[in-house]
Protein backbone atom coordinates (compact mmCIF):
# COMPACT_ATOMS: atom_id res chain seq x y z
CA MET A 1 -0.65 -41.37 -44.70
CA LYS A 2 2.44 -40.05 -43.30
CA SER A 3 5.13 -42.72 -42.29
CA PRO A 4 6.02 -42.88 -38.42
CA MET A 5 9.41 -42.03 -37.45
CA ARG A 6 11.46 -43.03 -34.74
CA ILE A 7 12.77 -40.24 -32.52
CA SER A 8 15.28 -40.07 -29.62
CA PHE A 9 16.09 -37.01 -27.08
CA LEU A 10 19.48 -37.50 -25.21
CA LEU A 11 19.27 -35.94 -21.90
CA PRO A 12 22.16 -34.77 -19.71
CA GLY A 13 20.98 -36.73 -17.30
CA TYR A 14 18.75 -38.00 -14.54
CA ILE A 15 16.10 -35.33 -13.69
CA TRP A 16 15.23 -34.72 -9.67
CA ALA A 17 13.65 -31.57 -9.82
CA PRO A 18 11.30 -29.33 -12.32
CA THR A 19 13.75 -28.44 -14.95
CA GLY A 20 12.23 -25.81 -17.85
CA GLY A 21 14.50 -27.62 -20.56
CA ILE A 22 13.28 -30.85 -19.70
CA ARG A 23 9.60 -30.04 -19.56
CA VAL A 24 10.07 -28.55 -23.08
CA VAL A 25 11.31 -32.18 -24.71
CA TYR A 26 8.71 -33.95 -23.08
CA GLU A 27 5.89 -31.45 -24.48
CA HIS A 28 7.59 -32.41 -27.67
CA ALA A 29 7.62 -36.06 -26.69
CA ASN A 30 4.00 -35.74 -26.10
CA ARG A 31 2.94 -34.43 -29.29
CA LEU A 32 5.29 -36.30 -31.24
CA VAL A 33 3.32 -39.27 -30.05
CA ALA A 34 0.02 -37.96 -30.48
CA SER A 35 0.76 -38.03 -33.87
CA GLY A 36 1.74 -41.23 -34.41
CA HIS A 37 5.55 -41.48 -33.99
CA ASP A 38 7.98 -43.38 -31.64
CA VAL A 39 9.29 -41.52 -29.47
CA THR A 40 12.21 -42.11 -26.72
CA VAL A 41 13.49 -39.97 -24.26
CA ILE A 42 17.06 -40.95 -23.09
CA HIS A 43 18.46 -40.76 -19.23
CA PRO A 44 21.73 -41.54 -18.65
CA ARG A 45 23.03 -41.66 -15.22
CA ARG A 46 26.69 -40.56 -16.55
CA LEU A 47 27.43 -38.56 -19.58
CA MET A 48 30.21 -39.82 -21.70
CA HIS A 49 33.01 -37.01 -22.40
CA LEU A 50 31.80 -34.72 -19.81
CA SER A 51 34.11 -31.67 -18.73
CA PRO A 52 33.90 -30.40 -15.51
CA ARG A 53 32.24 -26.97 -14.48
CA PRO A 54 33.92 -23.77 -14.84
CA GLY A 55 35.60 -22.94 -11.27
CA GLY A 56 36.06 -24.48 -8.12
CA GLN A 57 33.05 -26.39 -6.07
CA SER A 58 32.53 -26.92 -2.54
CA ALA A 59 33.19 -30.00 -0.57
CA TYR A 60 29.26 -29.98 0.06
CA TYR A 61 28.55 -30.07 -3.89
CA TRP A 62 30.97 -33.18 -4.37
CA ILE A 63 29.19 -34.88 -1.37
CA ARG A 64 25.64 -34.42 -2.72
CA ARG A 65 26.75 -35.09 -6.51
CA HIS A 66 28.34 -38.62 -5.09
CA ALA A 67 25.74 -39.51 -2.70
CA ARG A 68 23.15 -38.36 -5.97
CA ARG A 69 25.27 -41.00 -7.81
CA GLY A 70 24.97 -43.77 -5.12
CA LEU A 71 21.16 -43.28 -5.19
CA GLU A 72 20.97 -43.50 -9.25
CA LEU A 73 21.91 -46.82 -9.08
CA PHE A 74 19.06 -48.10 -7.45
CA HIS A 75 16.45 -45.61 -8.17
CA LYS A 76 14.67 -43.65 -10.44
CA PRO A 77 13.28 -40.18 -10.85
CA SER A 78 10.02 -39.49 -10.37
CA LEU A 79 8.47 -37.18 -13.47
CA ASP A 80 5.13 -36.16 -11.49
CA TRP A 81 5.63 -32.45 -12.13
CA GLN A 82 5.46 -33.09 -15.79
CA LYS A 83 2.69 -34.71 -18.28
CA VAL A 84 3.76 -38.05 -19.86
CA ASP A 85 1.78 -39.25 -22.69
CA PRO A 86 2.45 -43.39 -21.66
CA ARG A 87 3.49 -43.62 -25.31
CA VAL A 88 6.50 -42.12 -24.57
CA LYS A 89 9.36 -43.99 -24.08
CA SER A 90 11.67 -42.97 -20.99
CA LEU A 91 14.62 -44.69 -20.82
CA TYR A 92 17.23 -45.09 -18.15
CA VAL A 93 20.37 -45.99 -18.82
CA PRO A 94 23.90 -46.33 -17.12
CA THR A 95 25.85 -43.80 -19.66
CA SER A 96 25.37 -41.47 -23.07
CA ASP A 97 27.44 -44.32 -24.81
CA PRO A 98 25.81 -44.80 -28.56
CA SER A 99 25.30 -48.51 -27.54
CA ASN A 100 22.77 -47.12 -25.05
CA ILE A 101 20.92 -45.22 -27.54
CA PRO A 102 18.01 -47.01 -29.53
CA ASP A 103 18.71 -46.53 -33.59
CA GLY A 104 16.07 -44.69 -35.08
CA ASP A 105 15.39 -41.71 -37.72
CA ALA A 106 16.47 -39.00 -35.67
CA ILE A 107 18.42 -38.03 -32.61
CA PHE A 108 18.27 -34.77 -30.37
CA ALA A 109 21.14 -33.47 -28.61
CA THR A 110 19.19 -31.20 -25.76
CA SER A 111 22.25 -29.26 -24.29
CA TRP A 112 25.71 -28.95 -24.87
CA GLN A 113 27.01 -31.84 -22.58
CA THR A 114 25.15 -34.39 -25.00
CA VAL A 115 26.33 -32.66 -28.59
CA ARG A 116 29.37 -35.06 -28.48
CA THR A 117 27.55 -38.12 -28.06
CA VAL A 118 24.91 -37.63 -30.86
CA LEU A 119 28.14 -36.30 -33.32
CA GLU A 120 29.61 -39.84 -32.75
CA CYS A 121 26.88 -41.66 -32.77
CA PRO A 122 26.56 -44.03 -35.68
CA GLU A 123 24.45 -43.59 -39.11
CA SER A 124 22.23 -46.24 -37.71
CA LYS A 125 21.03 -43.85 -34.26
CA GLY A 126 19.04 -41.50 -36.92
CA GLU A 127 19.61 -37.78 -38.45
CA LYS A 128 21.33 -35.77 -35.93
CA PHE A 129 19.43 -32.71 -34.56
CA TYR A 130 20.30 -30.20 -31.52
CA LEU A 131 17.51 -28.69 -29.71
CA ILE A 132 19.53 -25.30 -28.45
CA GLN A 133 17.59 -24.16 -25.22
CA HIS A 134 19.89 -21.88 -23.92
CA TYR A 135 23.70 -20.03 -24.00
CA GLU A 136 25.30 -22.32 -21.59
CA THR A 137 28.19 -20.38 -20.67
CA THR A 138 26.79 -21.02 -16.93
CA MET A 139 27.18 -24.85 -17.18
CA GLY A 140 30.14 -24.92 -19.40
CA PRO A 141 33.32 -23.47 -20.42
CA LYS A 142 32.50 -20.65 -23.54
CA HIS A 143 34.88 -22.31 -25.72
CA LEU A 144 33.26 -25.73 -25.24
CA VAL A 145 29.65 -24.85 -25.38
CA ASP A 146 30.62 -22.47 -28.95
CA GLU A 147 31.90 -25.51 -30.31
CA THR A 148 28.78 -27.61 -30.07
CA TRP A 149 26.95 -24.28 -31.85
CA ARG A 150 29.43 -24.62 -34.64
CA SER A 151 28.70 -28.53 -34.92
CA SER A 152 27.63 -30.24 -37.69
CA LEU A 153 24.09 -30.79 -36.11
CA HIS A 154 21.15 -29.58 -37.50
CA LYS A 155 20.05 -26.58 -35.27
CA VAL A 156 17.02 -25.54 -33.66
CA ALA A 157 16.53 -22.72 -31.23
CA VAL A 158 13.76 -21.67 -28.78
CA SER A 159 13.54 -18.13 -29.26
CA ASN A 160 14.91 -15.13 -31.31
CA TRP A 161 17.41 -14.13 -28.86
CA LEU A 162 19.19 -17.82 -29.36
CA ILE A 163 18.95 -17.10 -32.78
CA GLU A 164 21.14 -13.81 -32.42
CA VAL A 165 23.75 -15.45 -30.31
CA GLY A 166 24.12 -18.22 -33.30
CA ALA A 167 24.27 -15.19 -36.03
CA SER A 168 27.35 -13.58 -33.39
CA LEU A 169 28.84 -16.90 -33.61
CA GLY A 170 28.56 -17.13 -37.51
CA ILE A 171 26.42 -19.92 -37.63
CA SER A 172 24.56 -20.60 -40.81
CA GLU A 173 21.24 -21.88 -40.52
CA ILE A 174 19.36 -22.38 -37.41
CA ALA A 175 15.63 -22.90 -37.08
CA HIS A 176 13.57 -21.42 -34.94
CA ILE A 177 10.85 -23.02 -33.30
CA THR A 178 9.06 -21.05 -30.10
CA ASN A 179 8.70 -22.98 -27.24
CA ALA A 180 4.84 -22.42 -25.82
CA ILE A 181 2.67 -23.41 -22.39
CA ASP A 182 0.06 -26.00 -21.79
CA HIS A 183 -2.95 -23.80 -21.73
CA ASP A 184 -4.96 -26.94 -19.93
CA ARG A 185 -3.11 -26.49 -17.35
CA TYR A 186 -1.73 -22.74 -16.85
CA ARG A 187 -5.14 -21.04 -17.06
CA LEU A 188 -7.05 -18.57 -15.42
CA VAL A 189 -8.76 -20.03 -12.28
CA ARG A 190 -9.84 -16.21 -10.86
CA PRO A 191 -10.41 -13.35 -12.47
CA ILE A 192 -7.33 -11.26 -13.32
CA GLU A 193 -9.31 -8.23 -11.94
CA GLY A 194 -9.93 -7.85 -8.18
CA ARG A 195 -6.75 -9.62 -7.09
CA ARG A 196 -5.11 -8.47 -3.73
CA PRO A 197 -1.45 -7.28 -4.40
CA ARG A 198 1.11 -10.00 -4.13
CA VAL A 199 4.48 -11.06 -6.02
CA ALA A 200 5.52 -14.23 -7.15
CA MET A 201 8.69 -15.50 -8.19
CA THR A 202 10.56 -18.81 -8.72
CA PHE A 203 13.96 -19.19 -6.38
CA SER A 204 16.79 -21.17 -7.60
CA LYS A 205 20.58 -21.53 -6.01
CA GLU A 206 21.88 -21.04 -9.21
CA ALA A 207 23.61 -17.38 -9.19
CA HIS A 208 22.60 -16.36 -12.80
CA LYS A 209 18.60 -16.85 -12.19
CA GLY A 210 19.17 -13.87 -10.09
CA ALA A 211 17.36 -14.68 -7.38
CA ALA A 212 19.48 -11.88 -4.67
CA ASP A 213 18.74 -9.34 -7.13
CA GLY A 214 14.48 -10.66 -7.03
CA ILE A 215 15.02 -10.36 -3.12
CA GLU A 216 16.75 -6.80 -3.25
CA ALA A 217 14.21 -5.33 -5.81
CA LEU A 218 11.22 -6.85 -3.36
CA THR A 219 12.93 -5.51 -0.14
CA ILE A 220 13.20 -2.00 -2.05
CA ALA A 221 9.44 -2.47 -3.26
CA ARG A 222 8.36 -3.44 0.39
CA GLY A 223 9.86 -0.11 1.74
CA LYS A 224 7.34 1.86 0.00
CA CYS A 225 4.40 -0.29 0.23
CA PRO A 226 4.96 -1.99 3.68
CA ASP A 227 1.88 -4.36 3.26
CA LEU A 228 3.67 -5.74 0.19
CA ARG A 229 2.78 -9.77 0.12
CA VAL A 230 5.54 -12.20 -1.41
CA VAL A 231 5.32 -16.09 -2.37
CA MET A 232 8.10 -17.88 -3.70
CA PHE A 233 8.52 -21.62 -4.68
CA GLY A 234 11.73 -23.60 -5.82
CA ALA A 235 12.71 -26.95 -6.23
CA THR A 236 14.82 -26.90 -2.70
CA ASN A 237 13.98 -29.20 -0.01
CA LEU A 238 14.30 -26.93 2.73
CA ARG A 239 13.31 -23.03 2.89
CA PRO A 240 16.25 -21.32 1.45
CA ARG A 241 17.75 -18.06 3.51
CA ILE A 242 15.34 -15.45 2.53
CA PRO A 243 13.57 -12.64 4.20
CA HIS A 244 10.79 -13.96 7.01
CA TRP A 245 8.25 -12.18 5.49
CA ILE A 246 8.22 -14.02 2.18
CA GLU A 247 5.89 -16.84 2.31
CA TYR A 248 7.83 -20.01 0.67
CA HIS A 249 6.89 -23.63 -1.15
CA SER A 250 9.04 -26.41 -1.28
CA ASN A 251 9.01 -28.19 -4.58
CA PRO A 252 4.67 -27.57 -4.84
CA ALA A 253 2.99 -29.25 -6.98
CA GLN A 254 1.70 -27.78 -10.57
CA GLU A 255 -1.51 -27.52 -9.58
CA PHE A 256 -0.60 -25.71 -6.52
CA ILE A 257 1.13 -23.73 -8.42
CA VAL A 258 -1.14 -22.51 -10.93
CA SER A 259 -4.36 -22.50 -8.44
CA GLU A 260 -2.87 -20.78 -5.32
CA ILE A 261 0.61 -19.08 -6.64
CA TYR A 262 -0.01 -18.00 -9.62
CA ASN A 263 -3.98 -17.21 -9.86
CA ASN A 264 -3.67 -15.81 -6.27
CA SER A 265 -0.80 -13.07 -7.67
CA THR A 266 -0.88 -9.78 -9.39
CA ILE A 267 2.86 -9.74 -10.33
CA PHE A 268 5.35 -12.41 -11.52
CA LEU A 269 8.77 -11.31 -11.09
CA CYS A 270 11.74 -12.96 -13.20
CA PRO A 271 15.20 -11.16 -12.26
CA SER A 272 17.02 -13.67 -14.39
CA TRP A 273 20.43 -12.56 -16.32
CA ALA A 274 19.86 -14.03 -19.23
CA GLU A 275 17.15 -17.21 -20.06
CA GLY A 276 16.91 -19.07 -23.88
CA TYR A 277 13.37 -18.34 -23.21
CA ALA A 278 12.06 -17.98 -19.98
CA LEU A 279 9.20 -20.44 -19.17
CA PRO A 280 7.93 -19.36 -15.85
CA PRO A 281 6.92 -15.47 -16.58
CA ALA A 282 4.93 -17.40 -19.72
CA GLU A 283 2.99 -19.69 -17.36
CA ALA A 284 2.19 -16.77 -14.75
CA ALA A 285 0.98 -14.73 -17.37
CA GLY A 286 -1.30 -17.63 -18.55
CA CYS A 287 -2.60 -17.06 -15.02
CA GLY A 288 -3.50 -13.61 -15.55
CA CYS A 289 -0.12 -12.54 -13.59
CA ALA A 290 1.47 -8.94 -14.66
CA VAL A 291 4.95 -9.74 -15.61
CA VAL A 292 7.75 -7.67 -14.19
CA SER A 293 10.98 -9.11 -15.72
CA THR A 294 14.88 -8.27 -16.26
CA ASP A 295 15.85 -8.25 -20.69
CA ASN A 296 17.31 -11.68 -20.12
CA GLY A 297 16.96 -12.64 -23.73
CA GLY A 298 14.79 -15.32 -24.51
CA ILE A 299 11.90 -13.26 -22.82
CA ARG A 300 11.40 -10.92 -26.10
CA ASP A 301 9.83 -13.64 -27.75
CA TYR A 302 6.39 -12.86 -25.81
CA LEU A 303 7.03 -9.91 -24.03
CA GLU A 304 7.21 -6.31 -25.10
CA HIS A 305 8.40 -3.77 -22.91
CA GLY A 306 5.09 -1.38 -21.85
CA VAL A 307 3.00 -3.64 -24.12
CA THR A 308 2.91 -7.22 -22.22
CA GLY A 309 5.17 -6.32 -19.61
CA LEU A 310 7.81 -4.48 -17.78
CA LEU A 311 11.57 -5.18 -18.41
CA SER A 312 14.68 -3.80 -16.57
CA PRO A 313 18.28 -4.19 -17.46
CA PRO A 314 19.71 -7.16 -15.86
CA ARG A 315 21.38 -7.01 -12.60
CA ASP A 316 19.64 -4.15 -11.57
CA PRO A 317 17.18 -4.87 -8.63
CA ARG A 318 16.17 -1.01 -8.18
CA SER A 319 14.88 -0.62 -11.78
CA LEU A 320 12.94 -3.92 -10.79
CA ALA A 321 11.71 -2.42 -7.56
CA ALA A 322 10.80 0.74 -9.91
CA ASN A 323 8.60 -1.29 -11.81
CA ILE A 324 6.72 -3.36 -9.26
CA CYS A 325 6.04 -0.22 -7.66
CA LEU A 326 4.73 1.37 -10.76
CA LEU A 327 2.21 -1.37 -10.72
CA LEU A 328 1.14 -1.75 -7.52
CA ASP A 329 0.38 1.98 -7.77
CA HIS A 330 -1.72 2.05 -10.94
CA GLU A 331 -3.94 -0.83 -10.81
CA ASP A 332 -5.19 0.26 -14.32
CA LEU A 333 -1.55 -0.40 -16.01
CA ARG A 334 -1.37 -3.64 -14.06
CA LEU A 335 -4.59 -4.69 -15.34
CA SER A 336 -3.97 -3.71 -19.23
CA LEU A 337 -0.44 -5.40 -18.86
CA ALA A 338 -1.80 -8.63 -17.51
CA LYS A 339 -4.07 -8.95 -19.98
CA SER A 340 -2.51 -8.26 -23.19
CA ALA A 341 0.18 -10.54 -21.53
CA ASN A 342 -2.40 -13.43 -21.27
CA GLN A 343 -3.47 -12.96 -25.04
CA ALA A 344 -0.15 -12.85 -26.05
CA VAL A 345 0.90 -16.24 -24.80
CA ALA A 346 -2.44 -17.48 -25.71
CA GLY A 347 -1.23 -17.87 -28.88
CA LEU A 348 1.84 -19.88 -27.79
CA SER A 349 0.95 -23.45 -29.17
CA TRP A 350 2.57 -26.89 -28.02
CA GLU A 351 0.95 -28.35 -30.87
CA GLN A 352 1.76 -25.69 -33.73
CA SER A 353 5.40 -26.03 -32.26
CA SER A 354 5.62 -29.70 -32.03
CA ALA A 355 4.13 -29.90 -35.65
CA LYS A 356 6.83 -27.42 -36.70
CA LEU A 357 9.88 -29.69 -35.19
CA GLU A 358 8.36 -32.94 -37.04
CA ALA A 359 8.18 -31.09 -40.55
CA LEU A 360 11.60 -30.31 -39.84
CA VAL A 361 12.35 -33.82 -38.82
CA ALA A 362 10.67 -34.74 -42.08
CA SER A 363 12.40 -32.46 -44.51
CA LYS A 364 15.83 -33.35 -43.49
CA LEU A 365 14.73 -37.00 -43.36
CA ARG A 366 13.64 -36.47 -47.03
CA ARG A 367 16.81 -34.77 -48.39
CA LYS A 368 19.13 -37.27 -46.95
CA GLY A 369 16.65 -40.45 -48.65
CA ARG A 370 16.52 -41.60 -45.03
CA HIS A 371 12.63 -41.52 -44.60
CA ASP A 372 10.25 -42.43 -47.46
CA ARG A 373 7.53 -39.85 -45.98
CA GLU A 374 4.52 -38.19 -47.83
CA THR A 375 3.65 -34.41 -47.16
CA SER A 376 1.59 -33.96 -44.65
CA PRO A 377 -0.34 -30.49 -43.61
CA CYS A 378 2.38 -30.21 -40.88
CA SER A 379 5.13 -30.22 -43.40
CA ARG A 380 3.99 -27.34 -45.01
CA LEU A 381 4.71 -25.00 -42.17
CA ILE A 382 8.35 -25.54 -43.34
CA SER A 383 8.38 -23.07 -45.96
CA SER A 384 5.20 -21.08 -44.44
CA ASP A 385 6.04 -20.47 -40.33
CA MET A 386 9.70 -21.48 -39.62
CA HIS A 387 12.20 -18.82 -39.62
CA ILE A 388 15.61 -20.10 -40.77
CA ALA A 389 18.10 -17.51 -39.42
CA ARG A 390 21.22 -16.52 -41.73
CA PRO A 391 23.66 -14.19 -40.66
CA ALA A 392 24.51 -11.49 -42.64
């Protein structure tokens, strides 16, 4: 009988809109509580020691930031876009000060901004881990981000690309535990065959997400295929400044995304410059879309060019447009890639990934003598399936 562990995840703040990194944390939290562990996800209203983002910010940014801080004094954001097991404790605290973090057996930093707090936590908060979900140089100064990677925390990366980034920084040990998708949600509702040509894409105002490149690629493709239908969705409250011929949905429900967007589209376009993993293309593939994407790093864990999708260099709208047109002109290729991608992501299991995370934590605790825990079937994954990257 395995002993339950007390595991905490420290988030970078309150979360007001769907976010891939937060989804990953809660997917692990759900599976860990289902395995009998005590799991707390900590949402601090303000991070201690937080450095400002690089570059200047507009007056609008600062007005919005202060307005949100005022809102957070009286309200907590809804997580209706993510399934949360009621046994998971979602803790909302004023700051990330260690006094607001419960004692436990293990604590995870989940972004570069949270690493310093975890490093400064007393031993009573648990063994210290770092769930690396992206190379976050778009969110903070490179030298500070790199320092977090070189910290003494036990590191877990969600993609092979991040393992490679770590090796380039001289990191001696990083565990690779891949992300997955929720197959109960992201599934085929309509057959892959017989769909009307339509391209789906997520929209983000973050420059590195490549929305401008995606729109340019779609405009080029539409010039060659005037009947091309396009649908976008995003976390914006209002329709962004995009061409009138693009259908847009603001903050759609996940059920709508699955049934009306993914399952009603033939192609999913991902124009991002860099992704730690790239969840939306995997979710779209689970719903039967063929994927046209930039070679953004994290997507390589499940997408191989010409086998499970089509890849283009980042920041190359013309190449993206060419791949879109290739699939529009060759239905047999679209069907082949969509079916191959659907099969590839079918092998991505949150149950298996979370079991590996559980095994990693248990292994580190045993080595430190922090936790008396018998060997369980999941702990054997540590030696059989987990890849530990050691640079040459």
